[in-house]
Amino acid sequence: MGLSVLAILVLAWWMDWRAVARVVDQASPALIVLCIVLYAAQRFLMAGKWLLLLRVHGVRMGLLPATWLYSAATLAGSFLPSTVGGDAMRVGWLWRNGVDANDATASVVVERVVGAFVTMAAAMVGMFWLGRFASFSEEMHGMIFVAAAVMVLIGAGLAWSWAGPSRLRIALSENHMVGRMVARFRTAWLRQGRRPDVVAVFAALTLFESIYSLFMGWLTAHALGIDVAFVDLAAAYAVALAITRLPLTIDGIGVYEGIMALLLGTVAGLPAAESVALILVGRVLFLLVHGAGALMFAIHEGPLVSHVPARSSSVQAN
């Protein structure tokens, strides 16, 4: 929180806010409305992907209520240094409505791990593109190596957790509370890993969603009258998103704007005011879409989970 306040103060002192206001003032209302509609459609896509993972555990929920829950959780998570708060909200709500907490947690962990892999892959491509600029070459080489190492660790970790531990004994005794907790989560985790078809479809949809997000960034820039090539903007977005995944400030405030201003200024010659206006408008659209979903979630009465079958013992740890 301290870093967030500091980043906001630095941004407020550094930025020419009159120039930012001029950029926002020339926005196309029709294109802004289109952006809102497409951002809302993206929320349905993200919730639908998550439902695929939940179905592995027998959890049934409609797309509309799942989108409301996802929006409310994402909105809550945006005020925290990382996405853990929003994820905990989803798990906690499902648990209160009869879903085993281990099943809910396993689905969220798979979602985040696969999402991190795709984010690193997009960042690598973006860094290769940005690396053609001499001023970025040395820094990008190191960042590409780090991104590649993270991807290898993620892939190896998933393979080991789903293939290796099924043949190993858990060191902790199930007679103790921690051992029982680990064993229950491991059972749920292995159930997820035994559906590689679902995980593959989820990964493909996550890749599509990543490309969709990059397009939405370009469309928002177009709505503000910002002239920037899609590939330059996409590369900058991919790198900035990967960096702001680190819990440096709340929702990357200040850091995100600064990175985008630096990258787009070097790559596309964009004034800092245009880069900051683009990010700020994106944040406002984010709040509008997620706020509407959170409101629907808050006023909804009755259970949103339509069917949760009894716990199955068919998946056992070997």
C-alpha atoms as a PDB file:
ATOM      1  CA  MET A   1       0.000   0.000   0.000  1.00  0.00           C
ATOM      2  CA  GLY A   2       2.899   2.337   0.741  1.00  0.00           C
ATOM      3  CA  LEU A   3       4.403   1.673  -2.681  1.00  0.00           C
ATOM      4  CA  SER A   4       0.993   2.305  -4.258  1.00  0.00           C
ATOM      5  CA  VAL A   5       0.701   5.702  -2.583  1.00  0.00           C
ATOM      6  CA  LEU A   6       4.257   6.575  -3.593  1.00  0.00           C
ATOM      7  CA  ALA A   7       3.634   5.503  -7.211  1.00  0.00           C
ATOM      8  CA  ILE A   8       0.478   7.637  -7.369  1.00  0.00           C
ATOM      9  CA  LEU A   9       2.332  10.676  -5.993  1.00  0.00           C
ATOM     10  CA  VAL A  10       5.168  10.252  -8.493  1.00  0.00           C
ATOM     11  CA  LEU A  11       2.696   9.822 -11.355  1.00  0.00           C
ATOM     12  CA  ALA A  12       0.702  12.879 -10.237  1.00  0.00           C
ATOM     13  CA  TRP A  13       3.865  15.018 -10.074  1.00  0.00           C
ATOM     14  CA  TRP A  14       5.377  13.759 -13.322  1.00  0.00           C
ATOM     15  CA  MET A  15       2.370  13.761 -15.631  1.00  0.00           C
ATOM     16  CA  ASP A  16       0.904  16.679 -17.578  1.00  0.00           C
ATOM     17  CA  TRP A  17      -2.735  16.053 -16.685  1.00  0.00           C
ATOM     18  CA  ARG A  18      -4.028  18.715 -19.053  1.00  0.00           C
ATOM     19  CA  ALA A  19      -2.521  16.759 -21.918  1.00  0.00           C
ATOM     20  CA  VAL A  20      -4.113  13.574 -20.565  1.00  0.00           C
ATOM     21  CA  ALA A  21      -7.497  15.338 -20.385  1.00  0.00           C
ATOM     22  CA  ARG A  22      -7.152  16.485 -24.004  1.00  0.00           C
ATOM     23  CA  VAL A  23      -6.564  12.894 -25.136  1.00  0.00           C
ATOM     24  CA  VAL A  24      -9.595  11.626 -23.198  1.00  0.00           C
ATOM     25  CA  ASP A  25     -11.733  14.516 -24.478  1.00  0.00           C
ATOM     26  CA  GLN A  26     -11.313  13.378 -28.074  1.00  0.00           C
ATOM     27  CA  ALA A  27     -12.629   9.867 -27.358  1.00  0.00           C
ATOM     28  CA  SER A  28     -15.266   8.427 -29.685  1.00  0.00           C
ATOM     29  CA  PRO A  29     -18.429   7.694 -27.628  1.00  0.00           C
ATOM     30  CA  ALA A  30     -19.538   4.964 -30.045  1.00  0.00           C
ATOM     31  CA  LEU A  31     -16.202   3.138 -29.851  1.00  0.00           C
ATOM     32  CA  ILE A  32     -16.106   3.499 -26.065  1.00  0.00           C
ATOM     33  CA  VAL A  33     -19.539   1.844 -25.854  1.00  0.00           C
ATOM     34  CA  LEU A  34     -18.264  -0.911 -28.157  1.00  0.00           C
ATOM     35  CA  CYS A  35     -15.270  -1.393 -25.864  1.00  0.00           C
ATOM     36  CA  ILE A  36     -17.579  -1.767 -22.860  1.00  0.00           C
ATOM     37  CA  VAL A  37     -19.625  -4.424 -24.672  1.00  0.00           C
ATOM     38  CA  LEU A  38     -16.510  -6.343 -25.723  1.00  0.00           C
ATOM     39  CA  TYR A  39     -15.000  -6.084 -22.231  1.00  0.00           C
ATOM     40  CA  ALA A  40     -18.229  -7.559 -20.845  1.00  0.00           C
ATOM     41  CA  ALA A  41     -18.026 -10.375 -23.399  1.00  0.00           C
ATOM     42  CA  GLN A  42     -14.500 -11.088 -22.182  1.00  0.00           C
ATOM     43  CA  ARG A  43     -15.848 -11.549 -18.643  1.00  0.00           C
ATOM     44  CA  PHE A  44     -18.181 -14.246 -19.955  1.00  0.00           C
ATOM     45  CA  LEU A  45     -15.232 -15.934 -21.659  1.00  0.00           C
ATOM     46  CA  MET A  46     -13.156 -15.932 -18.464  1.00  0.00           C
ATOM     47  CA  ALA A  47     -16.014 -17.287 -16.363  1.00  0.00           C
ATOM     48  CA  GLY A  48     -16.792 -19.932 -18.983  1.00  0.00           C
ATOM     49  CA  LYS A  49     -13.195 -21.161 -18.917  1.00  0.00           C
ATOM     50  CA  TRP A  50     -13.338 -21.506 -15.152  1.00  0.00           C
ATOM     51  CA  LEU A  51     -16.585 -23.472 -15.397  1.00  0.00           C
ATOM     52  CA  LEU A  52     -14.786 -26.049 -17.559  1.00  0.00           C
ATOM     53  CA  LEU A  53     -12.372 -26.696 -14.699  1.00  0.00           C
ATOM     54  CA  LEU A  54     -15.157 -26.817 -12.108  1.00  0.00           C
ATOM     55  CA  ARG A  55     -17.073 -29.402 -14.129  1.00  0.00           C
ATOM     56  CA  VAL A  56     -14.190 -31.827 -13.645  1.00  0.00           C
ATOM     57  CA  HIS A  57     -15.191 -31.846  -9.959  1.00  0.00           C
ATOM     58  CA  GLY A  58     -18.896 -32.186 -10.702  1.00  0.00           C
ATOM     59  CA  VAL A  59     -19.723 -28.556  -9.915  1.00  0.00           C
ATOM     60  CA  ARG A  60     -22.537 -27.108 -12.005  1.00  0.00           C
ATOM     61  CA  MET A  61     -23.152 -23.370 -12.285  1.00  0.00           C
ATOM     62  CA  GLY A  62     -24.773 -21.269 -14.976  1.00  0.00           C
ATOM     63  CA  LEU A  63     -22.616 -19.000 -17.124  1.00  0.00           C
ATOM     64  CA  LEU A  64     -24.443 -15.845 -16.043  1.00  0.00           C
ATOM     65  CA  PRO A  65     -24.119 -16.333 -12.256  1.00  0.00           C
ATOM     66  CA  ALA A  66     -20.529 -17.547 -12.714  1.00  0.00           C
ATOM     67  CA  THR A  67     -19.765 -14.297 -14.558  1.00  0.00           C
ATOM     68  CA  TRP A  68     -21.291 -12.260 -11.735  1.00  0.00           C
ATOM     69  CA  LEU A  69     -19.204 -14.106  -9.159  1.00  0.00           C
ATOM     70  CA  TYR A  70     -16.072 -13.789 -11.290  1.00  0.00           C
ATOM     71  CA  SER A  71     -16.650 -10.053 -11.723  1.00  0.00           C
ATOM     72  CA  ALA A  72     -17.222  -9.472  -8.010  1.00  0.00           C
ATOM     73  CA  ALA A  73     -14.105 -11.440  -7.099  1.00  0.00           C
ATOM     74  CA  THR A  74     -11.973  -9.695  -9.724  1.00  0.00           C
ATOM     75  CA  LEU A  75     -13.165  -6.294  -8.545  1.00  0.00           C
ATOM     76  CA  ALA A  76     -12.265  -7.184  -4.962  1.00  0.00           C
ATOM     77  CA  GLY A  77      -8.879  -8.524  -6.053  1.00  0.00           C
ATOM     78  CA  SER A  78      -8.042  -5.304  -7.892  1.00  0.00           C
ATOM     79  CA  PHE A  79      -7.742  -3.515  -4.539  1.00  0.00           C
ATOM     80  CA  LEU A  80      -5.147  -5.971  -3.270  1.00  0.00           C
ATOM     81  CA  PRO A  81      -1.439  -6.338  -4.160  1.00  0.00           C
ATOM     82  CA  SER A  82      -2.160  -9.553  -6.084  1.00  0.00           C
ATOM     83  CA  THR A  83      -5.057 -11.693  -7.351  1.00  0.00           C
ATOM     84  CA  VAL A  84      -5.023 -13.922  -4.263  1.00  0.00           C
ATOM     85  CA  GLY A  85      -7.793 -11.944  -2.566  1.00  0.00           C
ATOM     86  CA  GLY A  86     -10.194 -12.366  -5.480  1.00  0.00           C
ATOM     87  CA  ASP A  87      -9.354 -16.044  -5.801  1.00  0.00           C
ATOM     88  CA  ALA A  88      -9.952 -16.573  -2.086  1.00  0.00           C
ATOM     89  CA  MET A  89     -13.341 -14.886  -2.468  1.00  0.00           C
ATOM     90  CA  ARG A  90     -14.346 -17.330  -5.221  1.00  0.00           C
ATOM     91  CA  VAL A  91     -13.175 -20.343  -3.226  1.00  0.00           C
ATOM     92  CA  GLY A  92     -14.813 -19.107  -0.043  1.00  0.00           C
ATOM     93  CA  TRP A  93     -18.137 -18.416  -1.721  1.00  0.00           C
ATOM     94  CA  LEU A  94     -18.227 -21.833  -3.397  1.00  0.00           C
ATOM     95  CA  TRP A  95     -17.316 -23.507  -0.097  1.00  0.00           C
ATOM     96  CA  ARG A  96     -20.166 -21.704   1.678  1.00  0.00           C
ATOM     97  CA  ASN A  97     -22.518 -22.997  -1.010  1.00  0.00           C
ATOM     98  CA  GLY A  98     -21.593 -26.639  -0.593  1.00  0.00           C
ATOM     99  CA  VAL A  99     -18.601 -27.066  -2.894  1.00  0.00           C
ATOM    100  CA  ASP A 100     -15.619 -28.847  -1.415  1.00  0.00           C
ATOM    101  CA  ALA A 101     -12.955 -26.203  -0.780  1.00  0.00           C
ATOM    102  CA  ASN A 102     -10.228 -28.460  -2.201  1.00  0.00           C
ATOM    103  CA  ASP A 103     -12.083 -28.839  -5.504  1.00  0.00           C
ATOM    104  CA  ALA A 104     -12.655 -25.091  -5.755  1.00  0.00           C
ATOM    105  CA  THR A 105      -9.025 -24.357  -4.880  1.00  0.00           C
ATOM    106  CA  ALA A 106      -7.688 -26.885  -7.397  1.00  0.00           C
ATOM    107  CA  SER A 107      -9.697 -25.252 -10.195  1.00  0.00           C
ATOM    108  CA  VAL A 108      -8.422 -21.776  -9.280  1.00  0.00           C
ATOM    109  CA  VAL A 109      -4.803 -22.925  -8.991  1.00  0.00           C
ATOM    110  CA  VAL A 110      -4.927 -24.570 -12.437  1.00  0.00           C
ATOM    111  CA  GLU A 111      -6.472 -21.388 -13.825  1.00  0.00           C
ATOM    112  CA  ARG A 112      -3.695 -19.220 -12.393  1.00  0.00           C
ATOM    113  CA  VAL A 113      -0.839 -21.565 -13.311  1.00  0.00           C
ATOM    114  CA  VAL A 114      -1.947 -21.921 -16.937  1.00  0.00           C
ATOM    115  CA  GLY A 115      -2.640 -18.195 -17.076  1.00  0.00           C
ATOM    116  CA  ALA A 116       0.873 -17.452 -15.806  1.00  0.00           C
ATOM    117  CA  PHE A 117       2.349 -19.736 -18.481  1.00  0.00           C
ATOM    118  CA  VAL A 118       0.425 -17.962 -21.267  1.00  0.00           C
ATOM    119  CA  THR A 119       1.319 -14.545 -19.815  1.00  0.00           C
ATOM    120  CA  MET A 120       5.019 -15.425 -19.821  1.00  0.00           C
ATOM    121  CA  ALA A 121       4.770 -16.783 -23.373  1.00  0.00           C
ATOM    122  CA  ALA A 122       3.116 -13.569 -24.594  1.00  0.00           C
ATOM    123  CA  ALA A 123       5.717 -11.508 -22.732  1.00  0.00           C
ATOM    124  CA  MET A 124       8.548 -13.440 -24.413  1.00  0.00           C
ATOM    125  CA  VAL A 125       7.104 -12.729 -27.854  1.00  0.00           C
ATOM    126  CA  GLY A 126       6.651  -9.092 -26.883  1.00  0.00           C
ATOM    127  CA  MET A 127      10.209  -8.833 -25.626  1.00  0.00           C
ATOM    128  CA  PHE A 128      11.583 -10.355 -28.821  1.00  0.00           C
ATOM    129  CA  TRP A 129       9.715  -7.669 -30.759  1.00  0.00           C
ATOM    130  CA  LEU A 130      10.807  -4.854 -28.457  1.00  0.00           C
ATOM    131  CA  GLY A 131      14.372  -6.174 -28.472  1.00  0.00           C
ATOM    132  CA  ARG A 132      14.864  -4.904 -32.007  1.00  0.00           C
ATOM    133  CA  PHE A 133      15.360  -1.458 -30.465  1.00  0.00           C
ATOM    134  CA  ALA A 134      18.988  -0.893 -29.472  1.00  0.00           C
ATOM    135  CA  SER A 135      18.049   0.816 -26.210  1.00  0.00           C
ATOM    136  CA  PHE A 136      16.173  -2.289 -25.082  1.00  0.00           C
ATOM    137  CA  SER A 137      18.433  -5.062 -26.388  1.00  0.00           C
ATOM    138  CA  GLU A 138      20.533  -5.787 -23.272  1.00  0.00           C
ATOM    139  CA  GLU A 139      17.652  -5.485 -20.809  1.00  0.00           C
ATOM    140  CA  MET A 140      15.378  -7.613 -22.974  1.00  0.00           C
ATOM    141  CA  HIS A 141      17.891 -10.453 -23.235  1.00  0.00           C
ATOM    142  CA  GLY A 142      17.908 -10.860 -19.474  1.00  0.00           C
ATOM    143  CA  MET A 143      14.114 -10.559 -19.230  1.00  0.00           C
ATOM    144  CA  ILE A 144      13.616 -13.133 -21.996  1.00  0.00           C
ATOM    145  CA  PHE A 145      15.838 -15.566 -20.107  1.00  0.00           C
ATOM    146  CA  VAL A 146      13.851 -15.029 -16.898  1.00  0.00           C
ATOM    147  CA  ALA A 147      10.509 -15.476 -18.708  1.00  0.00           C
ATOM    148  CA  ALA A 148      11.768 -18.680 -20.354  1.00  0.00           C
ATOM    149  CA  ALA A 149      12.970 -20.014 -16.998  1.00  0.00           C
ATOM    150  CA  VAL A 150       9.575 -19.287 -15.421  1.00  0.00           C
ATOM    151  CA  MET A 151       7.795 -21.113 -18.256  1.00  0.00           C
ATOM    152  CA  VAL A 152      10.046 -24.153 -17.849  1.00  0.00           C
ATOM    153  CA  LEU A 153       9.424 -24.212 -14.109  1.00  0.00           C
ATOM    154  CA  ILE A 154       5.657 -23.943 -14.591  1.00  0.00           C
ATOM    155  CA  GLY A 155       5.577 -26.730 -17.181  1.00  0.00           C
ATOM    156  CA  ALA A 156       7.854 -28.996 -15.150  1.00  0.00           C
ATOM    157  CA  GLY A 157       5.890 -28.312 -11.984  1.00  0.00           C
ATOM    158  CA  LEU A 158       2.576 -29.258 -13.593  1.00  0.00           C
ATOM    159  CA  ALA A 159       4.045 -32.423 -15.122  1.00  0.00           C
ATOM    160  CA  TRP A 160       5.638 -33.480 -11.832  1.00  0.00           C
ATOM    161  CA  SER A 161       2.538 -32.746  -9.750  1.00  0.00           C
ATOM    162  CA  TRP A 162       0.228 -34.710 -12.041  1.00  0.00           C
ATOM    163  CA  ALA A 163       2.545 -37.537 -13.093  1.00  0.00           C
ATOM    164  CA  GLY A 164       5.198 -37.940 -10.432  1.00  0.00           C
ATOM    165  CA  PRO A 165       3.434 -37.627  -7.042  1.00  0.00           C
ATOM    166  CA  SER A 166       0.776 -40.161  -8.055  1.00  0.00           C
ATOM    167  CA  ARG A 167       3.470 -42.790  -7.513  1.00  0.00           C
ATOM    168  CA  LEU A 168       4.877 -41.295  -4.310  1.00  0.00           C
ATOM    169  CA  ARG A 169       3.746 -41.442  -0.737  1.00  0.00           C
ATOM    170  CA  ILE A 170       2.835 -38.270   1.103  1.00  0.00           C
ATOM    171  CA  ALA A 171       5.366 -37.756   3.877  1.00  0.00           C
ATOM    172  CA  LEU A 172       2.852 -36.220   6.266  1.00  0.00           C
ATOM    173  CA  SER A 173       0.702 -38.687   8.160  1.00  0.00           C
ATOM    174  CA  GLU A 174      -3.010 -38.431   7.440  1.00  0.00           C
ATOM    175  CA  ASN A 175      -3.580 -38.864  11.160  1.00  0.00           C
ATOM    176  CA  HIS A 176      -2.566 -35.224  11.606  1.00  0.00           C
ATOM    177  CA  MET A 177      -4.646 -32.234  10.509  1.00  0.00           C
ATOM    178  CA  VAL A 178      -2.060 -30.886   8.038  1.00  0.00           C
ATOM    179  CA  GLY A 179      -1.581 -34.333   6.541  1.00  0.00           C
ATOM    180  CA  ARG A 180      -5.315 -34.749   6.031  1.00  0.00           C
ATOM    181  CA  MET A 181      -5.570 -31.307   4.417  1.00  0.00           C
ATOM    182  CA  VAL A 182      -2.700 -32.093   2.031  1.00  0.00           C
ATOM    183  CA  ALA A 183      -4.193 -35.487   1.163  1.00  0.00           C
ATOM    184  CA  ARG A 184      -7.623 -34.021   0.369  1.00  0.00           C
ATOM    185  CA  PHE A 185      -6.186 -31.281  -1.807  1.00  0.00           C
ATOM    186  CA  ARG A 186      -3.922 -33.790  -3.555  1.00  0.00           C
ATOM    187  CA  THR A 187      -6.941 -35.916  -4.431  1.00  0.00           C
ATOM    188  CA  ALA A 188      -8.709 -32.901  -5.944  1.00  0.00           C
ATOM    189  CA  TRP A 189      -5.527 -31.845  -7.759  1.00  0.00           C
ATOM    190  CA  LEU A 190      -5.029 -35.296  -9.291  1.00  0.00           C
ATOM    191  CA  ARG A 191      -8.653 -35.342 -10.426  1.00  0.00           C
ATOM    192  CA  GLN A 192      -7.928 -32.141 -12.344  1.00  0.00           C
ATOM    193  CA  GLY A 193      -4.743 -33.581 -13.846  1.00  0.00           C
ATOM    194  CA  ARG A 194      -6.489 -36.712 -15.061  1.00  0.00           C
ATOM    195  CA  ARG A 195      -8.481 -34.615 -17.510  1.00  0.00           C
ATOM    196  CA  PRO A 196      -5.725 -33.355 -19.845  1.00  0.00           C
ATOM    197  CA  ASP A 197      -8.347 -32.754 -22.536  1.00  0.00           C
ATOM    198  CA  VAL A 198     -10.092 -30.176 -20.344  1.00  0.00           C
ATOM    199  CA  VAL A 199      -6.801 -28.559 -19.371  1.00  0.00           C
ATOM    200  CA  ALA A 200      -5.773 -28.383 -23.051  1.00  0.00           C
ATOM    201  CA  VAL A 201      -9.062 -26.721 -24.038  1.00  0.00           C
ATOM    202  CA  PHE A 202      -8.700 -24.345 -21.119  1.00  0.00           C
ATOM    203  CA  ALA A 203      -5.143 -23.443 -22.195  1.00  0.00           C
ATOM    204  CA  ALA A 204      -6.286 -22.816 -25.780  1.00  0.00           C
ATOM    205  CA  LEU A 205      -9.093 -20.552 -24.565  1.00  0.00           C
ATOM    206  CA  THR A 206      -6.633 -18.734 -22.297  1.00  0.00           C
ATOM    207  CA  LEU A 207      -4.375 -18.073 -25.282  1.00  0.00           C
ATOM    208  CA  PHE A 208      -7.361 -16.772 -27.242  1.00  0.00           C
ATOM    209  CA  GLU A 209      -8.342 -14.587 -24.297  1.00  0.00           C
ATOM    210  CA  SER A 210      -4.808 -13.152 -24.172  1.00  0.00           C
ATOM    211  CA  ILE A 211      -4.977 -12.180 -27.849  1.00  0.00           C
ATOM    212  CA  TYR A 212      -8.480 -10.806 -27.252  1.00  0.00           C
ATOM    213  CA  SER A 213      -7.142  -8.603 -24.425  1.00  0.00           C
ATOM    214  CA  LEU A 214      -4.388  -7.237 -26.648  1.00  0.00           C
ATOM    215  CA  PHE A 215      -6.952  -6.414 -29.323  1.00  0.00           C
ATOM    216  CA  MET A 216      -9.114  -4.667 -26.720  1.00  0.00           C
ATOM    217  CA  GLY A 217      -6.160  -2.510 -25.747  1.00  0.00           C
ATOM    218  CA  TRP A 218      -5.648  -1.519 -29.370  1.00  0.00           C
ATOM    219  CA  LEU A 219      -9.383  -0.816 -29.827  1.00  0.00           C
ATOM    220  CA  THR A 220      -9.375   1.396 -26.729  1.00  0.00           C
ATOM    221  CA  ALA A 221      -6.396   3.296 -28.132  1.00  0.00           C
ATOM    222  CA  HIS A 222      -8.254   3.684 -31.433  1.00  0.00           C
ATOM    223  CA  ALA A 223     -11.304   4.995 -29.545  1.00  0.00           C
ATOM    224  CA  LEU A 224      -9.080   7.694 -28.001  1.00  0.00           C
ATOM    225  CA  GLY A 225      -7.646   8.663 -31.378  1.00  0.00           C
ATOM    226  CA  ILE A 226      -4.191   7.295 -30.482  1.00  0.00           C
ATOM    227  CA  ASP A 227      -2.312   6.268 -33.610  1.00  0.00           C
ATOM    228  CA  VAL A 228      -0.220   3.213 -32.743  1.00  0.00           C
ATOM    229  CA  ALA A 229       0.465  -0.028 -34.604  1.00  0.00           C
ATOM    230  CA  PHE A 230      -1.236  -3.087 -33.135  1.00  0.00           C
ATOM    231  CA  VAL A 231       1.981  -5.118 -32.926  1.00  0.00           C
ATOM    232  CA  ASP A 232       3.824  -2.342 -31.028  1.00  0.00           C
ATOM    233  CA  LEU A 233       0.971  -1.845 -28.583  1.00  0.00           C
ATOM    234  CA  ALA A 234       0.466  -5.600 -28.144  1.00  0.00           C
ATOM    235  CA  ALA A 235       4.160  -6.132 -27.380  1.00  0.00           C
ATOM    236  CA  ALA A 236       4.173  -3.320 -24.811  1.00  0.00           C
ATOM    237  CA  TYR A 237       0.978  -4.606 -23.188  1.00  0.00           C
ATOM    238  CA  ALA A 238       2.325  -8.181 -22.974  1.00  0.00           C
ATOM    239  CA  VAL A 239       5.532  -7.096 -21.256  1.00  0.00           C
ATOM    240  CA  ALA A 240       3.813  -4.614 -18.925  1.00  0.00           C
ATOM    241  CA  LEU A 241       1.181  -7.170 -17.861  1.00  0.00           C
ATOM    242  CA  ALA A 242       3.860  -9.740 -17.050  1.00  0.00           C
ATOM    243  CA  ILE A 243       5.778  -7.262 -14.893  1.00  0.00           C
ATOM    244  CA  THR A 244       2.707  -5.983 -13.066  1.00  0.00           C
ATOM    245  CA  ARG A 245       1.805  -9.553 -12.087  1.00  0.00           C
ATOM    246  CA  LEU A 246       4.372  -9.034  -9.350  1.00  0.00           C
ATOM    247  CA  PRO A 247       2.693  -7.704  -6.175  1.00  0.00           C
ATOM    248  CA  LEU A 248       4.572  -4.402  -6.227  1.00  0.00           C
ATOM    249  CA  THR A 249       1.618  -2.047  -5.911  1.00  0.00           C
ATOM    250  CA  ILE A 250      -2.140  -2.456  -5.647  1.00  0.00           C
ATOM    251  CA  ASP A 251      -3.362  -3.476  -9.105  1.00  0.00           C
ATOM    252  CA  GLY A 252      -0.049  -2.253 -10.546  1.00  0.00           C
ATOM    253  CA  ILE A 253      -1.038   1.391  -9.972  1.00  0.00           C
ATOM    254  CA  GLY A 254       1.704   3.710 -11.118  1.00  0.00           C
ATOM    255  CA  VAL A 255       3.984   0.869 -12.222  1.00  0.00           C
ATOM    256  CA  TYR A 256       1.714  -0.140 -15.118  1.00  0.00           C
ATOM    257  CA  GLU A 257       1.357   3.434 -16.353  1.00  0.00           C
ATOM    258  CA  GLY A 258       5.092   4.089 -16.079  1.00  0.00           C
ATOM    259  CA  ILE A 259       6.104   0.922 -17.946  1.00  0.00           C
ATOM    260  CA  MET A 260       3.621   1.558 -20.757  1.00  0.00           C
ATOM    261  CA  ALA A 261       4.781   5.182 -21.100  1.00  0.00           C
ATOM    262  CA  LEU A 262       8.404   4.034 -21.319  1.00  0.00           C
ATOM    263  CA  LEU A 263       7.806   1.217 -23.801  1.00  0.00           C
ATOM    264  CA  LEU A 264       5.384   3.049 -26.091  1.00  0.00           C
ATOM    265  CA  GLY A 265       7.501   6.189 -25.995  1.00  0.00           C
ATOM    266  CA  THR A 266      10.557   4.230 -27.162  1.00  0.00           C
ATOM    267  CA  VAL A 267       8.843   1.864 -29.607  1.00  0.00           C
ATOM    268  CA  ALA A 268       6.152   4.046 -31.142  1.00  0.00           C
ATOM    269  CA  GLY A 269       7.154   7.573 -30.122  1.00  0.00           C
ATOM    270  CA  LEU A 270       3.902   8.047 -28.192  1.00  0.00           C
ATOM    271  CA  PRO A 271       3.748  10.963 -25.751  1.00  0.00           C
ATOM    272  CA  ALA A 272       3.499   9.873 -22.120  1.00  0.00           C
ATOM    273  CA  ALA A 273       0.113  11.597 -21.840  1.00  0.00           C
ATOM    274  CA  GLU A 274      -1.389   9.290 -24.475  1.00  0.00           C
ATOM    275  CA  SER A 275      -0.014   6.150 -22.814  1.00  0.00           C
ATOM    276  CA  VAL A 276      -1.299   7.172 -19.388  1.00  0.00           C
ATOM    277  CA  ALA A 277      -4.687   8.211 -20.804  1.00  0.00           C
ATOM    278  CA  LEU A 278      -4.973   4.791 -22.475  1.00  0.00           C
ATOM    279  CA  ILE A 279      -4.297   2.947 -19.217  1.00  0.00           C
ATOM    280  CA  LEU A 280      -6.577   5.178 -17.146  1.00  0.00           C
ATOM    281  CA  VAL A 281      -9.500   4.812 -19.551  1.00  0.00           C
ATOM    282  CA  GLY A 282      -8.917   1.057 -19.533  1.00  0.00           C
ATOM    283  CA  ARG A 283      -9.095   1.102 -15.742  1.00  0.00           C
ATOM    284  CA  VAL A 284     -12.362   3.051 -15.821  1.00  0.00           C
ATOM    285  CA  LEU A 285     -13.895   0.589 -18.291  1.00  0.00           C
ATOM    286  CA  PHE A 286     -12.638  -2.250 -16.071  1.00  0.00           C
ATOM    287  CA  LEU A 287     -14.398  -0.748 -13.036  1.00  0.00           C
ATOM    288  CA  LEU A 288     -17.623  -0.176 -14.975  1.00  0.00           C
ATOM    289  CA  VAL A 289     -17.838  -3.736 -16.300  1.00  0.00           C
ATOM    290  CA  HIS A 290     -16.768  -5.479 -13.103  1.00  0.00           C
ATOM    291  CA  GLY A 291     -18.802  -3.098 -10.985  1.00  0.00           C
ATOM    292  CA  ALA A 292     -21.944  -3.982 -12.926  1.00  0.00           C
ATOM    293  CA  GLY A 293     -21.225  -7.687 -12.522  1.00  0.00           C
ATOM    294  CA  ALA A 294     -20.496  -7.264  -8.824  1.00  0.00           C
ATOM    295  CA  LEU A 295     -23.777  -5.376  -8.382  1.00  0.00           C
ATOM    296  CA  MET A 296     -25.703  -8.212 -10.037  1.00  0.00           C
ATOM    297  CA  PHE A 297     -23.912 -10.680  -7.782  1.00  0.00           C
ATOM    298  CA  ALA A 298     -24.796  -8.642  -4.689  1.00  0.00           C
ATOM    299  CA  ILE A 299     -28.520  -8.309  -5.459  1.00  0.00           C
ATOM    300  CA  HIS A 300     -29.002 -11.889  -6.619  1.00  0.00           C
ATOM    301  CA  GLU A 301     -31.086 -13.960  -4.260  1.00  0.00           C
ATOM    302  CA  GLY A 302     -30.849 -17.708  -3.943  1.00  0.00           C
ATOM    303  CA  PRO A 303     -28.045 -20.184  -4.618  1.00  0.00           C
ATOM    304  CA  LEU A 304     -26.019 -19.777  -7.791  1.00  0.00           C
ATOM    305  CA  VAL A 305     -24.609 -23.310  -7.763  1.00  0.00           C
ATOM    306  CA  SER A 306     -27.322 -25.468  -9.274  1.00  0.00           C
ATOM    307  CA  HIS A 307     -25.842 -28.873  -8.573  1.00  0.00           C
ATOM    308  CA  VAL A 308     -22.992 -30.158  -6.475  1.00  0.00           C
ATOM    309  CA  PRO A 309     -22.842 -33.964  -6.322  1.00  0.00           C
ATOM    310  CA  ALA A 310     -21.649 -35.872  -3.307  1.00  0.00           C
ATOM    311  CA  ARG A 311     -17.935 -36.295  -2.869  1.00  0.00           C
ATOM    312  CA  SER A 312     -16.623 -39.112  -5.024  1.00  0.00           C
ATOM    313  CA  SER A 313     -14.029 -41.591  -3.847  1.00  0.00           C
ATOM    314  CA  SER A 314     -13.193 -42.769  -7.358  1.00  0.00           C
ATOM    315  CA  VAL A 315      -9.986 -40.737  -7.438  1.00  0.00           C
ATOM    316  CA  GLN A 316      -7.590 -42.078  -4.863  1.00  0.00           C
ATOM    317  CA  ALA A 317      -3.981 -41.223  -4.223  1.00  0.00           C
ATOM    318  CA  ASN A 318      -1.725 -44.112  -5.070  1.00  0.00           C
END
